[in-house]
Amino acid sequence: MNRQDIRSLEITNYPVAGVDEVGRGCLFGEVVAAAVILPIEKLVELENLGVTDSKKLSPQRREKLDLIIREVAIACQIGTASVIEIDEMNILAASLLAMERAIAKLQPQPNHCLVDGNQLLRFKLIAPILQTTVIKGDSLSISIAAASIVAKVWRDRQMVELAEIYKGYDIATNKGYGTAKHRQAIGQLGYSDLHRKTFKLKEVVAKHQLF
């Protein structure tokens, strides 16, 4: 799909929710998803303000855009899946669950969901909603981009708070991702209760000889 196709879908099926997740590649912490319904008349304005894939934005810019998105959104919700759920069901299933939890909280419920990536939601919690997967959706859809920003800002704040409790892993800086400093800390301190025990475990063990 291209931008024009996506915009037409949003208009035809309104209200449409953009859905994205963050933290899928982390070693530490929950996977977090956001679902956002934006007013049609605000899409161009948000695009002009620079709403795009959260990974392309500085932390300061994400914070500013997060405030704007939340102010103009018709509905905006966060869903999470815990470390225990990630370890039990795998990161893909947990990511899809977090997305569905975010959608389930939306009021009003959307007529259609635009989901970043290539994996359809499984709708185990709520009645199925029409959905379209969009590869690189956070660069093609303003609604998905908005969700990526909201999810990223929310999770980053959570990581900064948790860094005060889980000291030594440099969580405030790495946000749970497997940087060299983070992996070295795991090798020295072991896993905390918020580390994903089954996630990239073999790689970490091989590099740092944990066991």
N, C-alpha and C. Protein backbone atom coordinates (compact mmCIF):
# COMPACT_ATOMS: atom_id res chain seq x y z
N MET A 1 0.84 -1.20 0.00
CA MET A 1 0.00 0.00 0.00
C MET A 1 0.87 1.25 0.00
N ASN A 2 0.39 2.28 -0.68
CA ASN A 2 1.10 3.56 -0.63
C ASN A 2 0.31 4.55 0.22
N ARG A 3 0.85 5.76 0.37
CA ARG A 3 0.21 6.76 1.24
C ARG A 3 -1.22 7.09 0.79
N GLN A 4 -1.39 7.20 -0.51
CA GLN A 4 -2.72 7.56 -1.03
C GLN A 4 -3.73 6.45 -0.75
N ASP A 5 -3.33 5.20 -0.93
CA ASP A 5 -4.22 4.08 -0.64
C ASP A 5 -4.62 4.07 0.84
N ILE A 6 -3.64 4.31 1.68
CA ILE A 6 -3.91 4.31 3.12
C ILE A 6 -4.84 5.45 3.51
N ARG A 7 -4.61 6.64 2.96
CA ARG A 7 -5.48 7.79 3.25
C ARG A 7 -6.91 7.52 2.80
N SER A 8 -7.07 6.91 1.64
CA SER A 8 -8.40 6.57 1.14
C SER A 8 -9.08 5.56 2.06
N LEU A 9 -8.32 4.58 2.54
CA LEU A 9 -8.87 3.59 3.47
C LEU A 9 -9.33 4.25 4.75
N GLU A 10 -8.53 5.18 5.26
CA GLU A 10 -8.88 5.87 6.50
C GLU A 10 -10.16 6.66 6.35
N ILE A 11 -10.35 7.29 5.21
CA ILE A 11 -11.55 8.09 4.99
C ILE A 11 -12.77 7.20 4.80
N THR A 12 -12.61 6.14 4.01
CA THR A 12 -13.73 5.25 3.69
C THR A 12 -14.21 4.47 4.90
N ASN A 13 -13.29 4.06 5.78
CA ASN A 13 -13.63 3.18 6.90
C ASN A 13 -13.65 3.88 8.25
N TYR A 14 -13.62 5.18 8.25
CA TYR A 14 -13.53 5.95 9.49
C TYR A 14 -14.61 5.54 10.52
N PRO A 15 -14.22 5.44 11.83
CA PRO A 15 -12.91 5.70 12.40
C PRO A 15 -11.94 4.51 12.26
N VAL A 16 -10.70 4.84 11.95
CA VAL A 16 -9.65 3.85 11.76
C VAL A 16 -8.58 4.05 12.84
N ALA A 17 -8.12 2.96 13.42
CA ALA A 17 -7.07 3.03 14.44
C ALA A 17 -5.74 2.64 13.84
N GLY A 18 -4.72 3.45 14.09
CA GLY A 18 -3.35 3.07 13.79
C GLY A 18 -2.78 2.33 14.99
N VAL A 19 -2.09 1.23 14.75
CA VAL A 19 -1.60 0.38 15.85
C VAL A 19 -0.13 0.05 15.62
N ASP A 20 0.67 0.22 16.67
CA ASP A 20 2.09 -0.13 16.57
C ASP A 20 2.60 -0.52 17.95
N GLU A 21 3.74 -1.21 17.96
CA GLU A 21 4.33 -1.63 19.23
C GLU A 21 5.78 -1.16 19.31
N VAL A 22 6.31 -1.19 20.52
CA VAL A 22 7.71 -0.86 20.76
C VAL A 22 8.24 -1.80 21.84
N GLY A 23 9.52 -2.09 21.74
CA GLY A 23 10.16 -2.94 22.74
C GLY A 23 10.23 -4.40 22.36
N ARG A 24 9.89 -4.68 21.12
CA ARG A 24 9.89 -6.08 20.70
C ARG A 24 11.30 -6.68 20.72
N GLY A 25 12.30 -5.88 20.43
CA GLY A 25 13.67 -6.40 20.38
C GLY A 25 14.45 -6.23 21.66
N CYS A 26 13.79 -5.88 22.75
CA CYS A 26 14.48 -5.63 24.02
C CYS A 26 14.80 -6.93 24.77
N LEU A 27 15.74 -6.82 25.69
CA LEU A 27 16.05 -7.91 26.61
C LEU A 27 15.32 -7.73 27.94
N PHE A 28 14.83 -6.52 28.19
CA PHE A 28 14.28 -6.16 29.50
C PHE A 28 12.95 -5.45 29.31
N GLY A 29 11.98 -5.81 30.15
CA GLY A 29 10.74 -5.06 30.23
C GLY A 29 9.62 -5.53 29.31
N GLU A 30 8.47 -4.93 29.53
CA GLU A 30 7.26 -5.26 28.77
C GLU A 30 7.40 -4.86 27.30
N VAL A 31 6.58 -5.48 26.46
CA VAL A 31 6.37 -4.96 25.13
C VAL A 31 5.13 -4.08 25.21
N VAL A 32 5.20 -2.92 24.57
CA VAL A 32 4.16 -1.89 24.71
C VAL A 32 3.59 -1.55 23.34
N ALA A 33 2.28 -1.46 23.27
CA ALA A 33 1.61 -1.08 22.02
C ALA A 33 0.72 0.13 22.27
N ALA A 34 0.48 0.88 21.21
CA ALA A 34 -0.47 1.98 21.26
C ALA A 34 -1.44 1.85 20.10
N ALA A 35 -2.67 2.27 20.35
CA ALA A 35 -3.71 2.34 19.31
C ALA A 35 -4.26 3.76 19.33
N VAL A 36 -4.29 4.39 18.17
CA VAL A 36 -4.66 5.81 18.09
C VAL A 36 -5.67 6.02 16.96
N ILE A 37 -6.76 6.71 17.28
CA ILE A 37 -7.72 7.14 16.26
C ILE A 37 -7.59 8.65 16.13
N LEU A 38 -7.26 9.11 14.93
CA LEU A 38 -7.08 10.53 14.68
C LEU A 38 -8.23 11.08 13.84
N PRO A 39 -8.57 12.34 14.04
CA PRO A 39 -9.58 12.97 13.17
C PRO A 39 -9.04 13.09 11.75
N ILE A 40 -9.85 12.79 10.77
CA ILE A 40 -9.43 12.88 9.38
C ILE A 40 -8.86 14.26 9.06
N GLU A 41 -9.50 15.29 9.58
CA GLU A 41 -9.09 16.65 9.24
C GLU A 41 -7.76 17.05 9.86
N LYS A 42 -7.21 16.21 10.77
CA LYS A 42 -5.94 16.52 11.41
C LYS A 42 -4.76 15.77 10.80
N LEU A 43 -5.02 14.85 9.87
CA LEU A 43 -3.94 14.01 9.35
C LEU A 43 -2.87 14.81 8.63
N VAL A 44 -3.28 15.71 7.75
CA VAL A 44 -2.31 16.51 7.01
C VAL A 44 -1.55 17.44 7.96
N GLU A 45 -2.25 18.03 8.91
CA GLU A 45 -1.61 18.92 9.88
C GLU A 45 -0.54 18.17 10.68
N LEU A 46 -0.87 16.96 11.13
CA LEU A 46 0.10 16.18 11.90
C LEU A 46 1.29 15.77 11.04
N GLU A 47 1.02 15.45 9.78
CA GLU A 47 2.12 15.12 8.87
C GLU A 47 3.04 16.32 8.71
N ASN A 48 2.48 17.50 8.55
CA ASN A 48 3.28 18.72 8.40
C ASN A 48 4.07 19.05 9.66
N LEU A 49 3.55 18.64 10.79
CA LEU A 49 4.25 18.86 12.06
C LEU A 49 5.41 17.88 12.27
N GLY A 50 5.48 16.86 11.42
CA GLY A 50 6.60 15.94 11.50
C GLY A 50 6.30 14.59 12.11
N VAL A 51 5.02 14.25 12.25
CA VAL A 51 4.67 12.93 12.77
C VAL A 51 5.12 11.87 11.78
N THR A 52 6.00 10.99 12.23
CA THR A 52 6.55 9.93 11.39
C THR A 52 7.03 8.81 12.31
N ASP A 53 7.69 7.83 11.73
CA ASP A 53 8.26 6.72 12.48
C ASP A 53 9.03 7.25 13.69
N SER A 54 8.69 6.79 14.88
CA SER A 54 9.30 7.31 16.11
C SER A 54 10.81 7.13 16.13
N LYS A 55 11.31 6.12 15.42
CA LYS A 55 12.76 5.86 15.42
C LYS A 55 13.53 6.95 14.68
N LYS A 56 12.84 7.73 13.86
CA LYS A 56 13.47 8.79 13.09
C LYS A 56 13.49 10.12 13.84
N LEU A 57 12.92 10.15 15.03
CA LEU A 57 12.77 11.39 15.79
C LEU A 57 13.65 11.39 17.04
N SER A 58 14.09 12.57 17.43
CA SER A 58 14.84 12.70 18.68
C SER A 58 13.89 12.52 19.86
N PRO A 59 14.40 12.15 21.02
CA PRO A 59 13.54 12.02 22.20
C PRO A 59 12.75 13.29 22.49
N GLN A 60 13.39 14.44 22.33
CA GLN A 60 12.70 15.71 22.61
C GLN A 60 11.56 15.94 21.62
N ARG A 61 11.79 15.61 20.36
CA ARG A 61 10.74 15.79 19.35
C ARG A 61 9.59 14.82 19.59
N ARG A 62 9.92 13.59 19.97
CA ARG A 62 8.86 12.62 20.27
C ARG A 62 7.99 13.10 21.42
N GLU A 63 8.60 13.65 22.44
CA GLU A 63 7.84 14.14 23.60
C GLU A 63 6.86 15.24 23.19
N LYS A 64 7.31 16.16 22.35
CA LYS A 64 6.44 17.25 21.91
C LYS A 64 5.29 16.73 21.05
N LEU A 65 5.62 15.82 20.14
CA LEU A 65 4.58 15.28 19.26
C LEU A 65 3.60 14.40 20.02
N ASP A 66 4.09 13.71 21.04
CA ASP A 66 3.21 12.89 21.87
C ASP A 66 2.12 13.75 22.51
N LEU A 67 2.49 14.91 23.00
CA LEU A 67 1.51 15.82 23.61
C LEU A 67 0.48 16.28 22.58
N ILE A 68 0.96 16.61 21.38
CA ILE A 68 0.05 17.08 20.33
C ILE A 68 -0.90 15.96 19.90
N ILE A 69 -0.35 14.76 19.71
CA ILE A 69 -1.18 13.62 19.29
C ILE A 69 -2.26 13.34 20.31
N ARG A 70 -1.89 13.31 21.58
CA ARG A 70 -2.87 13.03 22.64
C ARG A 70 -3.93 14.11 22.72
N GLU A 71 -3.54 15.34 22.42
CA GLU A 71 -4.49 16.46 22.48
C GLU A 71 -5.53 16.37 21.37
N VAL A 72 -5.12 15.98 20.16
CA VAL A 72 -6.05 16.01 19.02
C VAL A 72 -6.74 14.66 18.78
N ALA A 73 -6.19 13.58 19.34
CA ALA A 73 -6.73 12.24 19.05
C ALA A 73 -8.16 12.10 19.55
N ILE A 74 -8.95 11.39 18.79
CA ILE A 74 -10.30 11.02 19.23
C ILE A 74 -10.21 9.96 20.33
N ALA A 75 -9.25 9.04 20.17
CA ALA A 75 -9.01 8.02 21.19
C ALA A 75 -7.55 7.61 21.09
N CYS A 76 -6.96 7.32 22.24
CA CYS A 76 -5.54 6.96 22.30
C CYS A 76 -5.33 6.08 23.52
N GLN A 77 -4.87 4.85 23.30
CA GLN A 77 -4.73 3.91 24.42
C GLN A 77 -3.44 3.10 24.31
N ILE A 78 -2.98 2.66 25.47
CA ILE A 78 -1.77 1.82 25.59
C ILE A 78 -2.19 0.41 26.00
N GLY A 79 -1.51 -0.58 25.44
CA GLY A 79 -1.67 -1.97 25.87
C GLY A 79 -0.28 -2.56 26.08
N THR A 80 -0.15 -3.47 27.01
CA THR A 80 1.15 -4.07 27.30
C THR A 80 1.03 -5.58 27.41
N ALA A 81 2.16 -6.25 27.27
CA ALA A 81 2.28 -7.67 27.60
C ALA A 81 3.51 -7.82 28.48
N SER A 82 3.37 -8.56 29.54
CA SER A 82 4.41 -8.65 30.56
C SER A 82 5.57 -9.54 30.12
N VAL A 83 6.65 -9.45 30.87
CA VAL A 83 7.82 -10.31 30.63
C VAL A 83 7.43 -11.78 30.78
N ILE A 84 6.59 -12.08 31.76
CA ILE A 84 6.13 -13.47 31.95
C ILE A 84 5.39 -13.95 30.71
N GLU A 85 4.51 -13.10 30.17
CA GLU A 85 3.76 -13.47 28.96
C GLU A 85 4.69 -13.63 27.76
N ILE A 86 5.68 -12.76 27.65
CA ILE A 86 6.65 -12.87 26.56
C ILE A 86 7.37 -14.21 26.63
N ASP A 87 7.82 -14.58 27.83
CA ASP A 87 8.54 -15.84 27.99
C ASP A 87 7.65 -17.06 27.77
N GLU A 88 6.39 -16.92 28.13
CA GLU A 88 5.47 -18.06 28.00
C GLU A 88 5.00 -18.28 26.57
N MET A 89 4.72 -17.20 25.84
CA MET A 89 4.06 -17.36 24.54
C MET A 89 4.91 -16.97 23.35
N ASN A 90 6.02 -16.35 23.52
CA ASN A 90 6.97 -15.82 22.55
C ASN A 90 6.68 -14.35 22.26
N ILE A 91 7.68 -13.65 21.76
CA ILE A 91 7.58 -12.19 21.64
C ILE A 91 6.57 -11.77 20.58
N LEU A 92 6.44 -12.52 19.50
CA LEU A 92 5.46 -12.15 18.47
C LEU A 92 4.04 -12.20 19.02
N ALA A 93 3.69 -13.32 19.64
CA ALA A 93 2.34 -13.46 20.20
C ALA A 93 2.09 -12.41 21.27
N ALA A 94 3.09 -12.12 22.09
CA ALA A 94 2.94 -11.11 23.14
C ALA A 94 2.75 -9.72 22.54
N SER A 95 3.46 -9.42 21.45
CA SER A 95 3.31 -8.13 20.79
C SER A 95 1.90 -7.96 20.23
N LEU A 96 1.38 -9.00 19.60
CA LEU A 96 0.03 -8.96 19.06
C LEU A 96 -1.01 -8.82 20.17
N LEU A 97 -0.75 -9.47 21.31
CA LEU A 97 -1.65 -9.36 22.46
C LEU A 97 -1.66 -7.94 23.00
N ALA A 98 -0.48 -7.32 23.11
CA ALA A 98 -0.41 -5.94 23.57
C ALA A 98 -1.18 -5.01 22.65
N MET A 99 -1.07 -5.23 21.34
CA MET A 99 -1.81 -4.43 20.38
C MET A 99 -3.31 -4.58 20.58
N GLU A 100 -3.75 -5.83 20.75
CA GLU A 100 -5.19 -6.06 20.93
C GLU A 100 -5.68 -5.42 22.22
N ARG A 101 -4.89 -5.47 23.27
CA ARG A 101 -5.28 -4.84 24.53
C ARG A 101 -5.43 -3.34 24.37
N ALA A 102 -4.56 -2.72 23.59
CA ALA A 102 -4.69 -1.29 23.34
C ALA A 102 -5.97 -0.98 22.57
N ILE A 103 -6.25 -1.77 21.55
CA ILE A 103 -7.46 -1.57 20.74
C ILE A 103 -8.72 -1.76 21.59
N ALA A 104 -8.70 -2.76 22.47
CA ALA A 104 -9.86 -3.08 23.29
C ALA A 104 -10.28 -1.90 24.18
N LYS A 105 -9.34 -1.03 24.53
CA LYS A 105 -9.63 0.11 25.40
C LYS A 105 -10.20 1.30 24.66
N LEU A 106 -10.09 1.30 23.34
CA LEU A 106 -10.51 2.48 22.57
C LEU A 106 -12.01 2.72 22.66
N GLN A 107 -12.37 3.96 22.85
CA GLN A 107 -13.76 4.41 22.79
C GLN A 107 -13.81 5.69 21.97
N PRO A 108 -14.41 5.66 20.80
CA PRO A 108 -15.18 4.55 20.23
C PRO A 108 -14.26 3.45 19.70
N GLN A 109 -14.84 2.28 19.47
CA GLN A 109 -14.11 1.22 18.81
C GLN A 109 -13.97 1.55 17.32
N PRO A 110 -12.84 1.23 16.72
CA PRO A 110 -12.64 1.54 15.30
C PRO A 110 -13.41 0.59 14.39
N ASN A 111 -13.67 1.04 13.18
CA ASN A 111 -14.24 0.17 12.15
C ASN A 111 -13.16 -0.65 11.45
N HIS A 112 -11.92 -0.16 11.56
CA HIS A 112 -10.82 -0.79 10.84
C HIS A 112 -9.53 -0.48 11.60
N CYS A 113 -8.57 -1.39 11.55
CA CYS A 113 -7.27 -1.18 12.18
C CYS A 113 -6.17 -1.25 11.13
N LEU A 114 -5.28 -0.29 11.17
CA LEU A 114 -4.06 -0.32 10.37
C LEU A 114 -2.93 -0.76 11.30
N VAL A 115 -2.37 -1.93 11.01
CA VAL A 115 -1.40 -2.55 11.92
C VAL A 115 -0.02 -2.53 11.28
N ASP A 116 0.95 -1.98 11.99
CA ASP A 116 2.31 -1.94 11.46
C ASP A 116 2.87 -3.36 11.34
N GLY A 117 3.54 -3.65 10.22
CA GLY A 117 4.16 -4.95 10.03
C GLY A 117 3.38 -5.84 9.08
N ASN A 118 3.60 -7.14 9.22
CA ASN A 118 2.95 -8.10 8.31
C ASN A 118 2.17 -9.18 9.04
N GLN A 119 1.92 -8.98 10.34
CA GLN A 119 1.23 -9.99 11.13
C GLN A 119 -0.17 -9.51 11.51
N LEU A 120 -1.18 -10.30 11.15
CA LEU A 120 -2.55 -9.97 11.52
C LEU A 120 -2.79 -10.21 13.00
N LEU A 121 -3.59 -9.35 13.60
CA LEU A 121 -4.00 -9.54 14.99
C LEU A 121 -4.91 -10.76 15.10
N ARG A 122 -4.87 -11.41 16.25
CA ARG A 122 -5.59 -12.67 16.40
C ARG A 122 -6.95 -12.51 17.06
N PHE A 123 -7.22 -11.35 17.68
CA PHE A 123 -8.50 -11.01 18.28
C PHE A 123 -9.04 -12.13 19.16
N LYS A 124 -8.34 -12.35 20.26
CA LYS A 124 -8.77 -13.32 21.26
C LYS A 124 -9.57 -12.67 22.38
N LEU A 125 -9.48 -11.35 22.50
CA LEU A 125 -10.12 -10.64 23.61
C LEU A 125 -11.39 -9.93 23.21
N ILE A 126 -11.45 -9.48 21.96
CA ILE A 126 -12.61 -8.72 21.49
C ILE A 126 -13.07 -9.28 20.15
N ALA A 127 -14.25 -8.87 19.74
CA ALA A 127 -14.77 -9.31 18.45
C ALA A 127 -13.85 -8.82 17.34
N PRO A 128 -13.64 -9.65 16.33
CA PRO A 128 -12.73 -9.26 15.24
C PRO A 128 -13.13 -7.94 14.60
N ILE A 129 -12.14 -7.16 14.25
CA ILE A 129 -12.29 -5.89 13.55
C ILE A 129 -11.54 -6.01 12.23
N LEU A 130 -12.08 -5.42 11.19
CA LEU A 130 -11.36 -5.41 9.92
C LEU A 130 -9.97 -4.83 10.14
N GLN A 131 -8.98 -5.44 9.51
CA GLN A 131 -7.62 -4.97 9.72
C GLN A 131 -6.80 -5.07 8.43
N THR A 132 -5.84 -4.19 8.32
CA THR A 132 -4.90 -4.19 7.21
C THR A 132 -3.50 -4.06 7.77
N THR A 133 -2.62 -4.98 7.42
CA THR A 133 -1.23 -4.86 7.83
C THR A 133 -0.50 -3.99 6.82
N VAL A 134 0.42 -3.19 7.33
CA VAL A 134 1.18 -2.27 6.47
C VAL A 134 2.65 -2.37 6.82
N ILE A 135 3.43 -2.96 5.93
CA ILE A 135 4.87 -3.04 6.15
C ILE A 135 5.46 -1.64 6.10
N LYS A 136 6.29 -1.33 7.10
CA LYS A 136 6.84 0.02 7.27
C LYS A 136 5.71 1.04 7.41
N GLY A 137 4.66 0.61 8.08
CA GLY A 137 3.48 1.45 8.24
C GLY A 137 3.75 2.74 8.98
N ASP A 138 4.74 2.72 9.90
CA ASP A 138 5.03 3.94 10.65
C ASP A 138 5.67 5.02 9.78
N SER A 139 6.06 4.66 8.56
CA SER A 139 6.55 5.66 7.60
C SER A 139 5.51 6.01 6.54
N LEU A 140 4.45 5.21 6.45
CA LEU A 140 3.44 5.40 5.40
C LEU A 140 2.11 5.93 5.92
N SER A 141 1.79 5.65 7.17
CA SER A 141 0.50 6.04 7.74
C SER A 141 0.71 6.97 8.93
N ILE A 142 0.05 8.11 8.91
CA ILE A 142 0.15 9.05 10.03
C ILE A 142 -0.45 8.42 11.29
N SER A 143 -1.51 7.65 11.14
CA SER A 143 -2.13 7.01 12.30
C SER A 143 -1.19 6.00 12.96
N ILE A 144 -0.52 5.19 12.15
CA ILE A 144 0.44 4.23 12.70
C ILE A 144 1.64 4.97 13.28
N ALA A 145 2.12 6.00 12.58
CA ALA A 145 3.25 6.78 13.09
C ALA A 145 2.91 7.40 14.45
N ALA A 146 1.69 7.91 14.58
CA ALA A 146 1.26 8.49 15.85
C ALA A 146 1.28 7.43 16.94
N ALA A 147 0.82 6.23 16.62
CA ALA A 147 0.85 5.14 17.60
C ALA A 147 2.28 4.78 17.97
N SER A 148 3.19 4.80 17.01
CA SER A 148 4.58 4.48 17.30
C SER A 148 5.19 5.49 18.25
N ILE A 149 4.84 6.75 18.09
CA ILE A 149 5.36 7.81 18.97
C ILE A 149 4.79 7.67 20.37
N VAL A 150 3.49 7.48 20.46
CA VAL A 150 2.84 7.36 21.78
C VAL A 150 3.40 6.16 22.54
N ALA A 151 3.55 5.03 21.85
CA ALA A 151 4.07 3.82 22.51
C ALA A 151 5.51 4.01 22.95
N LYS A 152 6.32 4.63 22.10
CA LYS A 152 7.73 4.83 22.41
C LYS A 152 7.91 5.76 23.60
N VAL A 153 7.20 6.87 23.62
CA VAL A 153 7.31 7.82 24.73
C VAL A 153 6.87 7.17 26.03
N TRP A 154 5.76 6.43 25.99
CA TRP A 154 5.24 5.78 27.20
C TRP A 154 6.25 4.76 27.73
N ARG A 155 6.79 3.93 26.85
CA ARG A 155 7.71 2.89 27.31
C ARG A 155 9.03 3.49 27.79
N ASP A 156 9.54 4.50 27.10
CA ASP A 156 10.79 5.12 27.53
C ASP A 156 10.66 5.71 28.93
N ARG A 157 9.53 6.33 29.22
CA ARG A 157 9.31 6.87 30.57
C ARG A 157 9.28 5.74 31.60
N GLN A 158 8.66 4.64 31.23
CA GLN A 158 8.62 3.48 32.12
C GLN A 158 10.02 2.97 32.39
N MET A 159 10.86 2.92 31.36
CA MET A 159 12.23 2.43 31.53
C MET A 159 13.05 3.33 32.44
N VAL A 160 12.87 4.64 32.32
CA VAL A 160 13.59 5.58 33.18
C VAL A 160 13.20 5.36 34.64
N GLU A 161 11.91 5.15 34.88
CA GLU A 161 11.45 4.89 36.24
C GLU A 161 12.01 3.57 36.79
N LEU A 162 11.99 2.54 35.95
CA LEU A 162 12.47 1.23 36.39
C LEU A 162 13.98 1.21 36.60
N ALA A 163 14.69 2.10 35.91
CA ALA A 163 16.14 2.17 36.07
C ALA A 163 16.54 2.54 37.50
N GLU A 164 15.65 3.24 38.21
CA GLU A 164 15.91 3.59 39.60
C GLU A 164 15.82 2.38 40.52
N ILE A 165 15.10 1.38 40.07
CA ILE A 165 14.93 0.15 40.87
C ILE A 165 15.93 -0.91 40.44
N TYR A 166 16.08 -1.07 39.13
CA TYR A 166 16.97 -2.10 38.57
C TYR A 166 18.29 -1.44 38.17
N LYS A 167 19.11 -1.18 39.16
CA LYS A 167 20.35 -0.44 38.94
C LYS A 167 21.44 -1.36 38.39
N GLY A 168 22.35 -0.76 37.66
CA GLY A 168 23.50 -1.49 37.16
C GLY A 168 23.39 -1.95 35.73
N TYR A 169 22.17 -1.90 35.15
CA TYR A 169 21.97 -2.38 33.78
C TYR A 169 21.92 -1.24 32.75
N ASP A 170 22.04 0.01 33.20
CA ASP A 170 22.01 1.17 32.31
C ASP A 170 20.68 1.28 31.56
N ILE A 171 19.59 0.90 32.25
CA ILE A 171 18.28 0.86 31.61
C ILE A 171 17.79 2.25 31.18
N ALA A 172 18.12 3.27 31.94
CA ALA A 172 17.67 4.62 31.58
C ALA A 172 18.23 5.05 30.23
N THR A 173 19.41 4.55 29.89
CA THR A 173 20.04 4.90 28.61
C THR A 173 19.64 3.94 27.50
N ASN A 174 19.72 2.64 27.77
CA ASN A 174 19.48 1.66 26.68
C ASN A 174 18.02 1.30 26.50
N LYS A 175 17.15 1.70 27.46
CA LYS A 175 15.71 1.44 27.40
C LYS A 175 15.37 -0.05 27.27
N GLY A 176 16.29 -0.89 27.75
CA GLY A 176 16.04 -2.32 27.74
C GLY A 176 16.62 -3.05 26.56
N TYR A 177 17.16 -2.32 25.59
CA TYR A 177 17.75 -2.97 24.42
C TYR A 177 19.12 -3.54 24.76
N GLY A 178 19.56 -4.48 23.94
CA GLY A 178 20.76 -5.24 24.26
C GLY A 178 22.05 -4.57 23.84
N THR A 179 22.33 -3.41 24.38
CA THR A 179 23.60 -2.74 24.11
C THR A 179 24.74 -3.53 24.73
N ALA A 180 25.97 -3.18 24.31
CA ALA A 180 27.14 -3.88 24.86
C ALA A 180 27.21 -3.72 26.37
N LYS A 181 26.92 -2.51 26.85
CA LYS A 181 26.97 -2.25 28.30
C LYS A 181 25.90 -3.06 29.04
N HIS A 182 24.72 -3.16 28.43
CA HIS A 182 23.64 -3.93 29.05
C HIS A 182 24.00 -5.41 29.11
N ARG A 183 24.51 -5.94 28.03
CA ARG A 183 24.89 -7.36 28.01
C ARG A 183 26.02 -7.65 28.99
N GLN A 184 26.96 -6.72 29.09
CA GLN A 184 28.04 -6.90 30.03
C GLN A 184 27.50 -6.92 31.46
N ALA A 185 26.52 -6.05 31.74
CA ALA A 185 25.93 -6.02 33.08
C ALA A 185 25.19 -7.31 33.39
N ILE A 186 24.51 -7.87 32.39
CA ILE A 186 23.84 -9.16 32.60
C ILE A 186 24.88 -10.23 32.93
N GLY A 187 26.01 -10.18 32.23
CA GLY A 187 27.06 -11.14 32.50
C GLY A 187 27.61 -11.03 33.91
N GLN A 188 27.62 -9.83 34.46
CA GLN A 188 28.15 -9.60 35.80
C GLN A 188 27.11 -9.79 36.89
N LEU A 189 25.88 -9.33 36.62
CA LEU A 189 24.83 -9.32 37.64
C LEU A 189 23.81 -10.44 37.50
N GLY A 190 23.77 -11.07 36.32
CA GLY A 190 22.72 -12.03 36.03
C GLY A 190 21.46 -11.33 35.60
N TYR A 191 20.40 -12.10 35.40
CA TYR A 191 19.12 -11.57 34.96
C TYR A 191 18.30 -11.09 36.15
N SER A 192 17.63 -9.96 35.98
CA SER A 192 16.64 -9.52 36.98
C SER A 192 15.31 -10.19 36.66
N ASP A 193 14.31 -9.93 37.50
CA ASP A 193 13.00 -10.54 37.25
C ASP A 193 12.26 -9.88 36.09
N LEU A 194 12.80 -8.78 35.55
CA LEU A 194 12.18 -8.14 34.40
C LEU A 194 12.97 -8.37 33.11
N HIS A 195 13.97 -9.24 33.18
CA HIS A 195 14.65 -9.64 31.95
C HIS A 195 13.91 -10.82 31.32
N ARG A 196 13.89 -10.81 29.99
CA ARG A 196 13.21 -11.87 29.25
C ARG A 196 14.13 -13.09 29.21
N LYS A 197 13.81 -14.07 30.01
CA LYS A 197 14.72 -15.20 30.19
C LYS A 197 14.92 -16.03 28.93
N THR A 198 13.91 -16.08 28.08
CA THR A 198 14.01 -16.92 26.88
C THR A 198 14.38 -16.12 25.65
N PHE A 199 14.61 -14.81 25.82
CA PHE A 199 14.80 -13.94 24.67
C PHE A 199 16.27 -13.71 24.41
N LYS A 200 16.76 -14.24 23.28
CA LYS A 200 18.16 -14.13 22.91
C LYS A 200 19.08 -14.68 23.99
N LEU A 201 18.57 -15.63 24.76
CA LEU A 201 19.32 -16.16 25.89
C LEU A 201 20.63 -16.80 25.44
N LYS A 202 20.57 -17.61 24.37
CA LYS A 202 21.76 -18.32 23.92
C LYS A 202 22.87 -17.35 23.53
N GLU A 203 22.47 -16.26 22.87
CA GLU A 203 23.46 -15.27 22.44
C GLU A 203 24.14 -14.61 23.63
N VAL A 204 23.34 -14.24 24.64
CA VAL A 204 23.89 -13.60 25.82
C VAL A 204 24.78 -14.55 26.60
N VAL A 205 24.32 -15.79 26.72
CA VAL A 205 25.10 -16.80 27.45
C VAL A 205 26.43 -17.03 26.75
N ALA A 206 26.40 -17.13 25.44
CA ALA A 206 27.63 -17.39 24.68
C ALA A 206 28.63 -16.26 24.84
N LYS A 207 28.14 -15.03 24.84
CA LYS A 207 29.04 -13.90 24.91
C LYS A 207 29.60 -13.66 26.32
N HIS A 208 28.79 -13.99 27.32
CA HIS A 208 29.19 -13.63 28.68
C HIS A 208 29.31 -14.83 29.61
N GLN A 209 29.12 -16.03 29.07
CA GLN A 209 29.30 -17.26 29.84
C GLN A 209 28.56 -17.18 31.18
N LEU A 210 27.25 -16.96 31.09
CA LEU A 210 26.45 -16.82 32.30
C LEU A 210 26.35 -18.12 33.07
N PHE A 211 26.28 -19.26 32.36
CA PHE A 211 26.07 -20.52 33.05
C PHE A 211 27.20 -21.48 32.70
